[in-house]
Amino acid sequence: MTGTDEIIVVKGLTRTYSDSAGNEIRALRGVDLTVREGELVAIVGPSGSGKSTLLQLIGGLDHATTGTISFAGHDVSSLNEKQRTDFRRDHIGFVFQSFHLVPTMSVIENVALTAIVANKRRSEWLSHALDVLVELDLIDHADRMPHLLSGGQRQRVALGRAVFGRPDALLADEPTGNLDTKNSDIVLSLIRRGIDASGGRCGVVVTHDFRVAGFADRVIALRDGAVVDELTRESNSEARFDGERGEHVRSWLASALR
């Protein structure tokens, strides 16, 4: 079940930039979006529709041309670079299709990276990092280096790093793009548990995978930088991996983009 408290509120968001030829590109065109406590929202649409741009703006990796983004009631759209860095560190967990693991650090060190960067002692973060690795089914690989892991294992390490700091919002960009069904199920389960772990958390996932979208509480369709439709899960069923719902999302999106 999702709560009624609004965590992320996007209003009138636009993002315009110039390409190498000097042409103006409108990546987002007045997007409105609300994500509530306990909610996982999937953003779908064709390539170039603005999905990743929207995710980057929500996570403070980029700045909007116009519009506002508020997080738990606080305006974050006008933050400067230093403030955006602090905001990401304190509130956001990112999961990308590319793992972005530190090759010279072990699995457990990659999971606890935010604590290490903050100069916390090993004794302060070790217990929690071990708990995360148990959840990831990677406890036997704690001291291995990333290059010794499979792609699915590395993606789980990247997810572990994202949830380690108990972020208020988990943002994922194609987190299952390179994974088989088994590893996709593991990653999706962990994303769900990361959101459900305590009150006030939410998640946004960008995906081309209708099965992943079917796993979300709500699906937002983008086309040409604008929201064109929304699909809300009607059932409160705990069955998260619903192939029929994935097919339903596929049919709905085809109609929404017609």
C-alpha atoms as a PDB file:
ATOM      1  CA  MET A   1       0.000   0.000   0.000  1.00  0.00           C
ATOM      2  CA  THR A   2       1.189   3.541  -0.734  1.00  0.00           C
ATOM      3  CA  GLY A   3       0.821   6.438   1.646  1.00  0.00           C
ATOM      4  CA  THR A   4      -0.838   9.798   1.097  1.00  0.00           C
ATOM      5  CA  ASP A   5       2.228  11.945   1.789  1.00  0.00           C
ATOM      6  CA  GLU A   6       3.819  13.455  -1.305  1.00  0.00           C
ATOM      7  CA  ILE A   7       7.580  12.875  -1.422  1.00  0.00           C
ATOM      8  CA  ILE A   8       8.483  14.066  -4.940  1.00  0.00           C
ATOM      9  CA  VAL A   9       6.450  16.808  -6.630  1.00  0.00           C
ATOM     10  CA  VAL A  10       7.417  17.957 -10.131  1.00  0.00           C
ATOM     11  CA  LYS A  11       5.592  20.927 -11.660  1.00  0.00           C
ATOM     12  CA  GLY A  12       5.914  22.390 -15.150  1.00  0.00           C
ATOM     13  CA  LEU A  13       9.366  20.872 -15.680  1.00  0.00           C
ATOM     14  CA  THR A  14      11.180  21.696 -18.919  1.00  0.00           C
ATOM     15  CA  ARG A  15      14.708  20.934 -20.079  1.00  0.00           C
ATOM     16  CA  THR A  16      16.086  22.538 -23.222  1.00  0.00           C
ATOM     17  CA  TYR A  17      19.610  22.245 -24.576  1.00  0.00           C
ATOM     18  CA  SER A  18      21.520  22.701 -27.832  1.00  0.00           C
ATOM     19  CA  ASP A  19      23.027  19.844 -29.820  1.00  0.00           C
ATOM     20  CA  SER A  20      26.442  19.923 -31.507  1.00  0.00           C
ATOM     21  CA  ALA A  21      24.929  21.658 -34.557  1.00  0.00           C
ATOM     22  CA  GLY A  22      23.402  24.396 -32.421  1.00  0.00           C
ATOM     23  CA  ASN A  23      19.842  23.100 -32.768  1.00  0.00           C
ATOM     24  CA  GLU A  24      17.536  23.557 -29.791  1.00  0.00           C
ATOM     25  CA  ILE A  25      16.380  20.257 -28.271  1.00  0.00           C
ATOM     26  CA  ARG A  26      13.378  20.241 -25.943  1.00  0.00           C
ATOM     27  CA  ALA A  27      13.936  17.113 -23.863  1.00  0.00           C
ATOM     28  CA  LEU A  28      11.064  17.828 -21.451  1.00  0.00           C
ATOM     29  CA  ARG A  29       7.977  19.936 -22.086  1.00  0.00           C
ATOM     30  CA  GLY A  30       6.089  20.942 -18.947  1.00  0.00           C
ATOM     31  CA  VAL A  31       6.104  17.654 -17.018  1.00  0.00           C
ATOM     32  CA  ASP A  32       4.014  17.294 -13.854  1.00  0.00           C
ATOM     33  CA  LEU A  33       4.585  14.274 -11.621  1.00  0.00           C
ATOM     34  CA  THR A  34       3.891  13.325  -7.999  1.00  0.00           C
ATOM     35  CA  VAL A  35       5.390  10.310  -6.201  1.00  0.00           C
ATOM     36  CA  ARG A  36       3.952   9.419  -2.814  1.00  0.00           C
ATOM     37  CA  GLU A  37       5.286   7.664   0.248  1.00  0.00           C
ATOM     38  CA  GLY A  38       5.754   3.929  -0.322  1.00  0.00           C
ATOM     39  CA  GLU A  39       5.089   4.218  -4.055  1.00  0.00           C
ATOM     40  CA  LEU A  40       7.121   2.784  -6.930  1.00  0.00           C
ATOM     41  CA  VAL A  41       6.504   4.631 -10.195  1.00  0.00           C
ATOM     42  CA  ALA A  42       7.679   3.338 -13.578  1.00  0.00           C
ATOM     43  CA  ILE A  43       8.363   5.773 -16.428  1.00  0.00           C
ATOM     44  CA  VAL A  44       8.000   4.280 -19.894  1.00  0.00           C
ATOM     45  CA  GLY A  45       8.075   5.527 -23.465  1.00  0.00           C
ATOM     46  CA  PRO A  46      10.094   5.306 -26.679  1.00  0.00           C
ATOM     47  CA  SER A  47      13.795   6.171 -26.839  1.00  0.00           C
ATOM     48  CA  GLY A  48      14.278   9.926 -26.787  1.00  0.00           C
ATOM     49  CA  SER A  49      11.020  10.587 -24.952  1.00  0.00           C
ATOM     50  CA  GLY A  50      12.790  12.241 -21.982  1.00  0.00           C
ATOM     51  CA  LYS A  51      12.646   9.386 -19.450  1.00  0.00           C
ATOM     52  CA  SER A  52      16.288   9.476 -18.343  1.00  0.00           C
ATOM     53  CA  THR A  53      16.374  13.281 -18.446  1.00  0.00           C
ATOM     54  CA  LEU A  54      13.439  13.389 -16.018  1.00  0.00           C
ATOM     55  CA  LEU A  55      15.114  10.883 -13.696  1.00  0.00           C
ATOM     56  CA  GLN A  56      18.376  12.868 -13.705  1.00  0.00           C
ATOM     57  CA  LEU A  57      16.540  16.084 -12.858  1.00  0.00           C
ATOM     58  CA  ILE A  58      14.652  14.440  -9.986  1.00  0.00           C
ATOM     59  CA  GLY A  59      17.940  13.083  -8.642  1.00  0.00           C
ATOM     60  CA  GLY A  60      19.799  16.382  -8.871  1.00  0.00           C
ATOM     61  CA  LEU A  61      22.222  15.187 -11.562  1.00  0.00           C
ATOM     62  CA  ASP A  62      21.070  17.975 -13.885  1.00  0.00           C
ATOM     63  CA  HIS A  63      19.184  21.259 -13.576  1.00  0.00           C
ATOM     64  CA  ALA A  64      15.866  22.166 -15.181  1.00  0.00           C
ATOM     65  CA  THR A  65      15.389  24.997 -17.653  1.00  0.00           C
ATOM     66  CA  THR A  66      12.066  25.944 -16.037  1.00  0.00           C
ATOM     67  CA  GLY A  67       9.706  24.388 -13.515  1.00  0.00           C
ATOM     68  CA  THR A  68      10.129  23.172  -9.951  1.00  0.00           C
ATOM     69  CA  ILE A  69      11.005  19.977  -8.107  1.00  0.00           C
ATOM     70  CA  SER A  70      10.190  19.623  -4.421  1.00  0.00           C
ATOM     71  CA  PHE A  71      11.328  16.797  -2.182  1.00  0.00           C
ATOM     72  CA  ALA A  72       9.405  16.200   1.045  1.00  0.00           C
ATOM     73  CA  GLY A  73       8.151  19.779   0.839  1.00  0.00           C
ATOM     74  CA  HIS A  74      11.531  21.373   0.148  1.00  0.00           C
ATOM     75  CA  ASP A  75      12.318  23.079  -3.179  1.00  0.00           C
ATOM     76  CA  VAL A  76      15.391  21.393  -4.682  1.00  0.00           C
ATOM     77  CA  SER A  77      15.147  22.751  -8.235  1.00  0.00           C
ATOM     78  CA  SER A  78      17.056  25.935  -7.383  1.00  0.00           C
ATOM     79  CA  LEU A  79      19.957  24.298  -5.525  1.00  0.00           C
ATOM     80  CA  ASN A  80      23.500  25.133  -6.574  1.00  0.00           C
ATOM     81  CA  GLU A  81      26.002  22.411  -7.498  1.00  0.00           C
ATOM     82  CA  LYS A  82      27.318  21.939  -3.954  1.00  0.00           C
ATOM     83  CA  GLN A  83      23.791  21.790  -2.554  1.00  0.00           C
ATOM     84  CA  ARG A  84      22.714  19.269  -5.221  1.00  0.00           C
ATOM     85  CA  THR A  85      25.689  17.074  -4.313  1.00  0.00           C
ATOM     86  CA  ASP A  86      24.685  17.152  -0.646  1.00  0.00           C
ATOM     87  CA  PHE A  87      21.058  16.454  -1.588  1.00  0.00           C
ATOM     88  CA  ARG A  88      22.028  13.384  -3.614  1.00  0.00           C
ATOM     89  CA  ARG A  89      24.261  12.104  -0.830  1.00  0.00           C
ATOM     90  CA  ASP A  90      21.656  12.539   1.899  1.00  0.00           C
ATOM     91  CA  HIS A  91      18.442  11.536   0.142  1.00  0.00           C
ATOM     92  CA  ILE A  92      18.918   9.658  -3.148  1.00  0.00           C
ATOM     93  CA  GLY A  93      20.029   6.153  -4.086  1.00  0.00           C
ATOM     94  CA  PHE A  94      20.841   5.583  -7.767  1.00  0.00           C
ATOM     95  CA  VAL A  95      20.797   2.330  -9.729  1.00  0.00           C
ATOM     96  CA  PHE A  96      21.993   2.452 -13.338  1.00  0.00           C
ATOM     97  CA  GLN A  97      22.188  -0.112 -16.117  1.00  0.00           C
ATOM     98  CA  SER A  98      25.959   0.466 -16.081  1.00  0.00           C
ATOM     99  CA  PHE A  99      27.196  -0.710 -12.714  1.00  0.00           C
ATOM    100  CA  HIS A 100      29.715   2.098 -11.976  1.00  0.00           C
ATOM    101  CA  LEU A 101      31.511  -0.031  -9.385  1.00  0.00           C
ATOM    102  CA  VAL A 102      34.945   1.016  -8.139  1.00  0.00           C
ATOM    103  CA  PRO A 103      37.259  -1.652  -9.621  1.00  0.00           C
ATOM    104  CA  THR A 104      39.934  -1.286  -6.928  1.00  0.00           C
ATOM    105  CA  MET A 105      37.480  -1.841  -4.058  1.00  0.00           C
ATOM    106  CA  SER A 106      36.011  -5.121  -2.838  1.00  0.00           C
ATOM    107  CA  VAL A 107      32.324  -5.983  -3.034  1.00  0.00           C
ATOM    108  CA  ILE A 108      31.643  -4.989   0.562  1.00  0.00           C
ATOM    109  CA  GLU A 109      33.598  -1.737   0.139  1.00  0.00           C
ATOM    110  CA  ASN A 110      31.571  -0.884  -2.969  1.00  0.00           C
ATOM    111  CA  VAL A 111      28.350  -1.458  -1.030  1.00  0.00           C
ATOM    112  CA  ALA A 112      29.555   0.799   1.799  1.00  0.00           C
ATOM    113  CA  LEU A 113      31.071   3.417  -0.529  1.00  0.00           C
ATOM    114  CA  THR A 114      29.084   6.366   0.829  1.00  0.00           C
ATOM    115  CA  ALA A 115      30.251   5.616   4.367  1.00  0.00           C
ATOM    116  CA  ILE A 116      33.858   5.224   3.236  1.00  0.00           C
ATOM    117  CA  VAL A 117      33.762   8.523   1.323  1.00  0.00           C
ATOM    118  CA  ALA A 118      32.370  10.134   4.478  1.00  0.00           C
ATOM    119  CA  ASN A 119      35.494   8.851   6.322  1.00  0.00           C
ATOM    120  CA  LYS A 120      33.530   6.612   8.656  1.00  0.00           C
ATOM    121  CA  ARG A 121      35.457   3.870  10.417  1.00  0.00           C
ATOM    122  CA  ARG A 122      35.049   0.306   9.150  1.00  0.00           C
ATOM    123  CA  SER A 123      33.529  -0.673  12.489  1.00  0.00           C
ATOM    124  CA  GLU A 124      30.764   1.883  11.909  1.00  0.00           C
ATOM    125  CA  TRP A 125      29.561   0.482   8.577  1.00  0.00           C
ATOM    126  CA  LEU A 126      30.655  -3.163   8.503  1.00  0.00           C
ATOM    127  CA  SER A 127      27.636  -4.732  10.219  1.00  0.00           C
ATOM    128  CA  HIS A 128      25.093  -2.960   8.023  1.00  0.00           C
ATOM    129  CA  ALA A 129      27.076  -3.718   4.848  1.00  0.00           C
ATOM    130  CA  LEU A 130      27.143  -7.413   5.764  1.00  0.00           C
ATOM    131  CA  ASP A 131      23.368  -7.353   6.299  1.00  0.00           C
ATOM    132  CA  VAL A 132      22.921  -5.835   2.827  1.00  0.00           C
ATOM    133  CA  LEU A 133      25.102  -8.560   1.287  1.00  0.00           C
ATOM    134  CA  VAL A 134      22.986 -11.221   2.968  1.00  0.00           C
ATOM    135  CA  GLU A 135      19.905  -9.649   1.362  1.00  0.00           C
ATOM    136  CA  LEU A 136      21.716  -9.621  -1.978  1.00  0.00           C
ATOM    137  CA  ASP A 137      22.755 -13.281  -1.597  1.00  0.00           C
ATOM    138  CA  LEU A 138      26.365 -12.116  -2.021  1.00  0.00           C
ATOM    139  CA  ILE A 139      27.755 -12.665   1.449  1.00  0.00           C
ATOM    140  CA  ASP A 140      30.195 -15.307   0.140  1.00  0.00           C
ATOM    141  CA  HIS A 141      31.620 -12.710  -2.285  1.00  0.00           C
ATOM    142  CA  ALA A 142      32.167  -9.906   0.237  1.00  0.00           C
ATOM    143  CA  ASP A 143      35.942  -9.730  -0.269  1.00  0.00           C
ATOM    144  CA  ARG A 144      36.012 -10.357  -4.007  1.00  0.00           C
ATOM    145  CA  MET A 145      36.822  -7.679  -6.567  1.00  0.00           C
ATOM    146  CA  PRO A 146      34.092  -6.633  -9.034  1.00  0.00           C
ATOM    147  CA  HIS A 147      35.806  -8.091 -12.115  1.00  0.00           C
ATOM    148  CA  LEU A 148      35.426 -11.582 -10.624  1.00  0.00           C
ATOM    149  CA  LEU A 149      31.613 -11.311 -10.526  1.00  0.00           C
ATOM    150  CA  SER A 150      29.002 -12.029 -13.169  1.00  0.00           C
ATOM    151  CA  GLY A 151      26.944  -9.214 -14.643  1.00  0.00           C
ATOM    152  CA  GLY A 152      23.966 -10.101 -12.474  1.00  0.00           C
ATOM    153  CA  GLN A 153      26.104 -10.132  -9.348  1.00  0.00           C
ATOM    154  CA  ARG A 154      27.632  -6.754 -10.183  1.00  0.00           C
ATOM    155  CA  GLN A 155      24.180  -5.263 -10.689  1.00  0.00           C
ATOM    156  CA  ARG A 156      23.176  -6.560  -7.269  1.00  0.00           C
ATOM    157  CA  VAL A 157      26.269  -4.931  -5.754  1.00  0.00           C
ATOM    158  CA  ALA A 158      25.296  -1.652  -7.430  1.00  0.00           C
ATOM    159  CA  LEU A 159      21.814  -1.978  -5.952  1.00  0.00           C
ATOM    160  CA  GLY A 160      23.296  -2.767  -2.552  1.00  0.00           C
ATOM    161  CA  ARG A 161      25.307   0.448  -2.720  1.00  0.00           C
ATOM    162  CA  ALA A 162      22.112   2.358  -3.583  1.00  0.00           C
ATOM    163  CA  VAL A 163      20.089   0.986  -0.646  1.00  0.00           C
ATOM    164  CA  PHE A 164      22.971   0.912   1.869  1.00  0.00           C
ATOM    165  CA  GLY A 165      22.407   4.496   2.993  1.00  0.00           C
ATOM    166  CA  ARG A 166      18.637   3.933   3.398  1.00  0.00           C
ATOM    167  CA  PRO A 167      17.790   6.674   0.877  1.00  0.00           C
ATOM    168  CA  ASP A 168      14.494   8.494   0.892  1.00  0.00           C
ATOM    169  CA  ALA A 169      14.136   7.923  -2.865  1.00  0.00           C
ATOM    170  CA  LEU A 170      15.517   5.094  -4.966  1.00  0.00           C
ATOM    171  CA  LEU A 171      15.979   6.083  -8.629  1.00  0.00           C
ATOM    172  CA  ALA A 172      16.716   3.350 -11.160  1.00  0.00           C
ATOM    173  CA  ASP A 173      17.511   3.738 -14.867  1.00  0.00           C
ATOM    174  CA  GLU A 174      17.034   0.453 -16.769  1.00  0.00           C
ATOM    175  CA  PRO A 175      18.214  -1.581 -13.736  1.00  0.00           C
ATOM    176  CA  THR A 176      17.408  -4.936 -15.376  1.00  0.00           C
ATOM    177  CA  GLY A 177      18.485  -4.104 -18.921  1.00  0.00           C
ATOM    178  CA  ASN A 178      21.351  -6.620 -19.024  1.00  0.00           C
ATOM    179  CA  LEU A 179      19.934  -9.243 -16.652  1.00  0.00           C
ATOM    180  CA  ASP A 180      18.261 -12.603 -17.083  1.00  0.00           C
ATOM    181  CA  THR A 181      14.872 -13.290 -15.514  1.00  0.00           C
ATOM    182  CA  LYS A 182      16.279 -14.756 -12.289  1.00  0.00           C
ATOM    183  CA  ASN A 183      18.573 -11.792 -11.586  1.00  0.00           C
ATOM    184  CA  SER A 184      15.848  -9.357 -12.662  1.00  0.00           C
ATOM    185  CA  ASP A 185      13.537 -10.879 -10.056  1.00  0.00           C
ATOM    186  CA  ILE A 186      16.210 -10.486  -7.368  1.00  0.00           C
ATOM    187  CA  VAL A 187      16.858  -6.843  -8.285  1.00  0.00           C
ATOM    188  CA  LEU A 188      13.153  -5.976  -8.426  1.00  0.00           C
ATOM    189  CA  SER A 189      12.474  -7.662  -5.082  1.00  0.00           C
ATOM    190  CA  LEU A 190      15.301  -5.714  -3.468  1.00  0.00           C
ATOM    191  CA  ILE A 191      14.076  -2.430  -4.937  1.00  0.00           C
ATOM    192  CA  ARG A 192      10.629  -3.142  -3.522  1.00  0.00           C
ATOM    193  CA  ARG A 193      12.012  -4.079  -0.101  1.00  0.00           C
ATOM    194  CA  GLY A 194      14.226  -0.992  -0.107  1.00  0.00           C
ATOM    195  CA  ILE A 195      11.164   1.196  -0.593  1.00  0.00           C
ATOM    196  CA  ASP A 196       9.089  -0.712   1.965  1.00  0.00           C
ATOM    197  CA  ALA A 197      11.845  -0.822   4.619  1.00  0.00           C
ATOM    198  CA  SER A 198      10.516   2.215   6.485  1.00  0.00           C
ATOM    199  CA  GLY A 199       8.070   5.059   6.113  1.00  0.00           C
ATOM    200  CA  GLY A 200       8.729   7.984   3.806  1.00  0.00           C
ATOM    201  CA  ARG A 201      10.526   6.142   1.016  1.00  0.00           C
ATOM    202  CA  CYS A 202       9.596   5.941  -2.630  1.00  0.00           C
ATOM    203  CA  GLY A 203      11.074   4.879  -5.957  1.00  0.00           C
ATOM    204  CA  VAL A 204      11.118   5.834  -9.632  1.00  0.00           C
ATOM    205  CA  VAL A 205      12.292   3.400 -12.309  1.00  0.00           C
ATOM    206  CA  VAL A 206      12.869   4.148 -16.002  1.00  0.00           C
ATOM    207  CA  THR A 207      12.430   1.054 -18.134  1.00  0.00           C
ATOM    208  CA  HIS A 208      11.719  -0.381 -21.566  1.00  0.00           C
ATOM    209  CA  ASP A 209      10.805  -3.712 -19.941  1.00  0.00           C
ATOM    210  CA  PHE A 210       7.032  -4.088 -19.623  1.00  0.00           C
ATOM    211  CA  ARG A 211       7.484  -6.763 -16.982  1.00  0.00           C
ATOM    212  CA  VAL A 212       9.370  -4.244 -14.811  1.00  0.00           C
ATOM    213  CA  ALA A 213       6.705  -1.620 -15.470  1.00  0.00           C
ATOM    214  CA  GLY A 214       4.033  -4.144 -14.513  1.00  0.00           C
ATOM    215  CA  PHE A 215       5.764  -4.547 -11.152  1.00  0.00           C
ATOM    216  CA  ALA A 216       5.276  -0.829 -10.307  1.00  0.00           C
ATOM    217  CA  ASP A 217       2.359   0.718  -8.437  1.00  0.00           C
ATOM    218  CA  ARG A 218       1.878   3.302 -11.180  1.00  0.00           C
ATOM    219  CA  VAL A 219       3.123   3.685 -14.753  1.00  0.00           C
ATOM    220  CA  ILE A 220       3.707   7.052 -16.461  1.00  0.00           C
ATOM    221  CA  ALA A 221       3.969   7.232 -20.258  1.00  0.00           C
ATOM    222  CA  LEU A 222       6.191   9.900 -21.853  1.00  0.00           C
ATOM    223  CA  ARG A 223       6.324  10.911 -25.500  1.00  0.00           C
ATOM    224  CA  ASP A 224       8.342  13.800 -26.939  1.00  0.00           C
ATOM    225  CA  GLY A 225       9.128  15.074 -23.445  1.00  0.00           C
ATOM    226  CA  ALA A 226       5.532  15.205 -22.201  1.00  0.00           C
ATOM    227  CA  VAL A 227       3.334  12.960 -20.046  1.00  0.00           C
ATOM    228  CA  VAL A 228       0.642  11.453 -22.275  1.00  0.00           C
ATOM    229  CA  ASP A 229      -1.047   8.951 -19.943  1.00  0.00           C
ATOM    230  CA  GLU A 230      -0.943   7.210 -16.567  1.00  0.00           C
ATOM    231  CA  LEU A 231      -1.834   3.691 -15.456  1.00  0.00           C
ATOM    232  CA  THR A 232      -2.468   2.873 -11.785  1.00  0.00           C
ATOM    233  CA  ARG A 233      -2.411  -0.585 -10.232  1.00  0.00           C
ATOM    234  CA  GLU A 234      -5.971  -1.343  -9.241  1.00  0.00           C
ATOM    235  CA  SER A 235      -5.243  -4.440  -7.168  1.00  0.00           C
ATOM    236  CA  ASN A 236      -3.552  -4.474  -3.767  1.00  0.00           C
ATOM    237  CA  SER A 237      -2.187  -7.925  -4.522  1.00  0.00           C
ATOM    238  CA  GLU A 238       1.282  -8.670  -3.232  1.00  0.00           C
ATOM    239  CA  ALA A 239       2.066 -10.612  -6.416  1.00  0.00           C
ATOM    240  CA  ARG A 240       4.779  -8.310  -7.716  1.00  0.00           C
ATOM    241  CA  PHE A 241       5.875 -10.286 -10.777  1.00  0.00           C
ATOM    242  CA  ASP A 242       2.707 -10.410 -12.796  1.00  0.00           C
ATOM    243  CA  GLY A 243       3.285 -11.369 -16.424  1.00  0.00           C
ATOM    244  CA  GLU A 244      -0.322 -10.597 -17.312  1.00  0.00           C
ATOM    245  CA  ARG A 245       0.015  -7.087 -15.934  1.00  0.00           C
ATOM    246  CA  GLY A 246       3.183  -6.639 -18.006  1.00  0.00           C
ATOM    247  CA  GLU A 247       1.191  -7.500 -21.109  1.00  0.00           C
ATOM    248  CA  HIS A 248      -1.536  -5.145 -19.960  1.00  0.00           C
ATOM    249  CA  VAL A 249       1.043  -2.348 -19.692  1.00  0.00           C
ATOM    250  CA  ARG A 250       2.279  -3.176 -23.202  1.00  0.00           C
ATOM    251  CA  SER A 251      -1.243  -2.880 -24.653  1.00  0.00           C
ATOM    252  CA  TRP A 252      -1.976   0.274 -22.676  1.00  0.00           C
ATOM    253  CA  LEU A 253       1.229   1.982 -23.808  1.00  0.00           C
ATOM    254  CA  ALA A 254       0.589   1.130 -27.447  1.00  0.00           C
ATOM    255  CA  SER A 255      -2.783   2.834 -27.115  1.00  0.00           C
ATOM    256  CA  ALA A 256      -1.380   5.807 -25.164  1.00  0.00           C
ATOM    257  CA  LEU A 257       1.278   6.503 -27.799  1.00  0.00           C
ATOM    258  CA  ARG A 258      -1.074   6.096 -30.758  1.00  0.00           C
END
